[in-house]
């Protein structure tokens, strides 16, 4: 465990075990430059979940798979936790997915998303100090989103690590 001090936030880092979760997912290969175009997907996921009478089990997540270089493409999953995965649903733009257990370094980022790269840097520094190796999957859990005042955002960043 460790503390991370930034200009406007304090981040308490911890190694965390995330149990498997069921999601309704939008999956796409993209780049950092294109990320802003996927902001509306979360709302569409909510609409689909409500139309299918799902139990919505948490806030929207963004999962970054194979993201190792800001200039290279990676897979983005915009994911909404749901109560269960329905079999045989493969039409439309969304899919179901049940994740595996996920060990990570977790840090709560409070404030503007413009400062998230700084938080990632501090997480990577912490991982180096603890001799932890990244698995190439990161998650952002959007606990509170304030589009009008970015300082009101609360995002849990989970950087996947190999089990110890």
Foldseek 3Di string as FASTA:
>chain_A
DDWDDDPQDIKDKDKDKAAKFKWWKQKDKDAPVCVVVCVCVQVVRVVVCVVVVWAFDAFWKWKWAQPDDRVDITMIITITTTPDADPPDDDDRIHMDIDHIFIWIKIKDAFAPVCVVVVVVVRVVVCVVVVWDFPRMKMKGFRDDDPVGRNHTIIMITTTTDDD
